[in-house]
Amino acid sequence: MDKVNHFFTVKEVSEKLRVSERTIYRLIESGKLKAVKISRKAYRISEKGLIDFLKKCRT
């Protein structure tokens, strides 16, 4: 059975990490946080992408 991947909005991730939305956009633009662009202005961050980012930050 396939696992369903949960996606977060930029706002949701910023609230979880307690940083500004602009910081999340900067992380996406720099390639440090993987995201999927779903429209001209909107991104979605996968749960896996967020976990991978957090693991990199810990080391």
C-alpha atoms as a PDB file:
ATOM      1  CA  MET A   1       0.000   0.000   0.000  1.00  0.00           C
ATOM      2  CA  ASP A   2       1.341   3.442  -0.920  1.00  0.00           C
ATOM      3  CA  LYS A   3       1.987   6.007   1.770  1.00  0.00           C
ATOM      4  CA  VAL A   4       0.199   9.316   1.340  1.00  0.00           C
ATOM      5  CA  ASN A   5       2.644  12.208   1.573  1.00  0.00           C
ATOM      6  CA  HIS A   6       1.353  15.175   3.545  1.00  0.00           C
ATOM      7  CA  PHE A   7       2.089  18.653   2.208  1.00  0.00           C
ATOM      8  CA  PHE A   8       2.286  21.890   4.185  1.00  0.00           C
ATOM      9  CA  THR A   9       1.809  25.482   3.096  1.00  0.00           C
ATOM     10  CA  VAL A  10       4.524  28.078   3.634  1.00  0.00           C
ATOM     11  CA  LYS A  11       2.422  29.552   6.434  1.00  0.00           C
ATOM     12  CA  GLU A  12       2.069  26.190   8.191  1.00  0.00           C
ATOM     13  CA  VAL A  13       5.820  25.544   8.028  1.00  0.00           C
ATOM     14  CA  SER A  14       6.624  29.042   9.278  1.00  0.00           C
ATOM     15  CA  GLU A  15       4.304  28.508  12.248  1.00  0.00           C
ATOM     16  CA  LYS A  16       5.830  25.102  13.035  1.00  0.00           C
ATOM     17  CA  LEU A  17       9.371  26.490  12.923  1.00  0.00           C
ATOM     18  CA  ARG A  18       8.423  29.832  14.517  1.00  0.00           C
ATOM     19  CA  VAL A  19      10.013  31.888  11.761  1.00  0.00           C
ATOM     20  CA  SER A  20       8.572  34.348   9.274  1.00  0.00           C
ATOM     21  CA  GLU A  21       7.022  33.273   5.994  1.00  0.00           C
ATOM     22  CA  ARG A  22       9.737  35.306   4.251  1.00  0.00           C
ATOM     23  CA  THR A  23      12.369  33.094   5.897  1.00  0.00           C
ATOM     24  CA  ILE A  24      10.663  30.007   4.490  1.00  0.00           C
ATOM     25  CA  TYR A  25      10.579  31.583   1.011  1.00  0.00           C
ATOM     26  CA  ARG A  26      14.309  32.347   1.316  1.00  0.00           C
ATOM     27  CA  LEU A  27      15.044  28.748   2.301  1.00  0.00           C
ATOM     28  CA  ILE A  28      13.053  27.512  -0.702  1.00  0.00           C
ATOM     29  CA  GLU A  29      14.717  29.959  -3.095  1.00  0.00           C
ATOM     30  CA  SER A  30      18.182  28.981  -1.840  1.00  0.00           C
ATOM     31  CA  GLY A  31      17.430  25.275  -2.307  1.00  0.00           C
ATOM     32  CA  LYS A  32      17.852  24.443   1.375  1.00  0.00           C
ATOM     33  CA  LEU A  33      14.176  23.530   1.757  1.00  0.00           C
ATOM     34  CA  LYS A  34      12.617  21.474  -1.009  1.00  0.00           C
ATOM     35  CA  ALA A  35       9.197  22.611  -2.172  1.00  0.00           C
ATOM     36  CA  VAL A  36       6.803  22.181  -5.067  1.00  0.00           C
ATOM     37  CA  LYS A  37       5.626  25.314  -6.823  1.00  0.00           C
ATOM     38  CA  ILE A  38       1.901  24.922  -7.486  1.00  0.00           C
ATOM     39  CA  SER A  39       1.199  28.366  -8.901  1.00  0.00           C
ATOM     40  CA  ARG A  40       2.990  31.614  -9.559  1.00  0.00           C
ATOM     41  CA  LYS A  41       3.094  32.484  -5.845  1.00  0.00           C
ATOM     42  CA  ALA A  42       2.229  29.291  -3.981  1.00  0.00           C
ATOM     43  CA  TYR A  43       4.496  26.506  -2.773  1.00  0.00           C
ATOM     44  CA  ARG A  44       3.878  23.277  -0.899  1.00  0.00           C
ATOM     45  CA  ILE A  45       6.471  21.596   1.282  1.00  0.00           C
ATOM     46  CA  SER A  46       6.292  17.842   1.741  1.00  0.00           C
ATOM     47  CA  GLU A  47       6.534  16.307   5.172  1.00  0.00           C
ATOM     48  CA  LYS A  48       9.624  14.411   3.983  1.00  0.00           C
ATOM     49  CA  GLY A  49      11.204  17.621   2.677  1.00  0.00           C
ATOM     50  CA  LEU A  50      10.636  19.321   6.014  1.00  0.00           C
ATOM     51  CA  ILE A  51      12.068  16.379   7.969  1.00  0.00           C
ATOM     52  CA  ASP A  52      15.120  16.241   5.687  1.00  0.00           C
ATOM     53  CA  PHE A  53      15.701  19.976   6.194  1.00  0.00           C
ATOM     54  CA  LEU A  54      15.454  19.644   9.972  1.00  0.00           C
ATOM     55  CA  LYS A  55      17.891  16.711   9.982  1.00  0.00           C
ATOM     56  CA  LYS A  56      20.432  18.783   8.021  1.00  0.00           C
ATOM     57  CA  CYS A  57      20.056  21.648  10.475  1.00  0.00           C
ATOM     58  CA  ARG A  58      20.803  19.424  13.459  1.00  0.00           C
ATOM     59  CA  THR A  59      24.171  18.261  12.182  1.00  0.00           C
END
